[in-house]
Amino acid sequence: MLNKVSIKPPEPIARFMVKLNEASVATRYPEEISKLQKDFTQGIVKEILAKGRETLGWIKKQL
């Protein structure tokens, strides 16, 4: 979507967006919930939330 409006995020935010997009695919399949619980530990989820807030802040500044 950012490509359509010619906005390029800083490299760390771009990498996070890719990682988050890839994670969203795995979360669509609840039958694999036990694997998700192993992959998404509390620490990882806290990191995702923190980076998500940072990313949202950057996006809001672009508008």
Protein backbone atom coordinates (compact mmCIF):
# COMPACT_ATOMS: atom_id res chain seq x y z
CA MET A 1 0.00 0.00 0.00
CA LEU A 2 2.81 2.41 0.81
CA ASN A 3 4.24 1.81 -2.66
CA LYS A 4 1.03 3.14 -4.17
CA VAL A 5 1.47 6.47 -2.40
CA SER A 6 5.25 6.58 -2.94
CA ILE A 7 6.16 6.40 0.75
CA LYS A 8 9.20 4.35 1.71
CA PRO A 9 9.52 3.40 5.37
CA PRO A 10 12.88 3.30 7.13
CA GLU A 11 14.56 -0.12 6.82
CA PRO A 12 13.73 -1.35 10.37
CA ILE A 13 10.05 -0.49 9.94
CA ALA A 14 9.96 -2.08 6.47
CA ARG A 15 11.49 -5.30 7.86
CA PHE A 16 8.96 -5.32 10.70
CA MET A 17 6.07 -4.88 8.27
CA VAL A 18 7.26 -7.88 6.26
CA LYS A 19 7.69 -9.97 9.42
CA LEU A 20 4.24 -8.97 10.67
CA ASN A 21 2.67 -9.81 7.32
CA GLU A 22 4.29 -13.25 7.36
CA ALA A 23 3.08 -13.84 10.93
CA SER A 24 -0.47 -12.95 9.99
CA VAL A 25 -0.61 -15.92 7.62
CA ALA A 26 0.19 -18.39 10.42
CA THR A 27 -2.42 -16.92 12.75
CA ARG A 28 -5.22 -17.62 10.27
CA TYR A 29 -5.14 -21.34 11.00
CA PRO A 30 -6.46 -21.97 14.52
CA GLU A 31 -5.96 -25.73 14.19
CA GLU A 32 -2.25 -25.04 14.68
CA ILE A 33 -2.76 -23.11 17.91
CA SER A 34 -0.24 -25.19 19.88
CA LYS A 35 2.50 -24.34 17.36
CA LEU A 36 1.54 -20.67 17.54
CA GLN A 37 1.77 -20.71 21.31
CA LYS A 38 5.31 -22.06 21.05
CA ASP A 39 6.34 -19.63 18.33
CA PHE A 40 4.74 -16.53 19.83
CA THR A 41 6.08 -16.38 23.36
CA GLN A 42 5.17 -13.53 25.67
CA GLY A 43 8.48 -11.81 24.88
CA ILE A 44 7.94 -12.04 21.15
CA VAL A 45 4.40 -10.71 21.43
CA LYS A 46 5.58 -7.77 23.56
CA GLU A 47 8.21 -6.98 20.93
CA ILE A 48 5.61 -7.16 18.15
CA LEU A 49 3.31 -4.80 20.06
CA ALA A 50 6.12 -2.31 20.74
CA LYS A 51 7.30 -2.31 17.13
CA GLY A 52 3.68 -2.08 16.00
CA ARG A 53 3.19 1.08 18.05
CA GLU A 54 6.39 2.51 16.58
CA THR A 55 5.23 1.65 13.06
CA LEU A 56 1.80 3.18 13.60
CA GLY A 57 3.45 6.34 14.91
CA TRP A 58 5.61 6.55 11.81
CA ILE A 59 2.60 6.00 9.53
CA LYS A 60 0.59 8.72 11.30
CA LYS A 61 3.45 11.19 10.79
CA GLN A 62 3.34 10.48 7.07
CA LEU A 63 -0.30 11.49 6.72
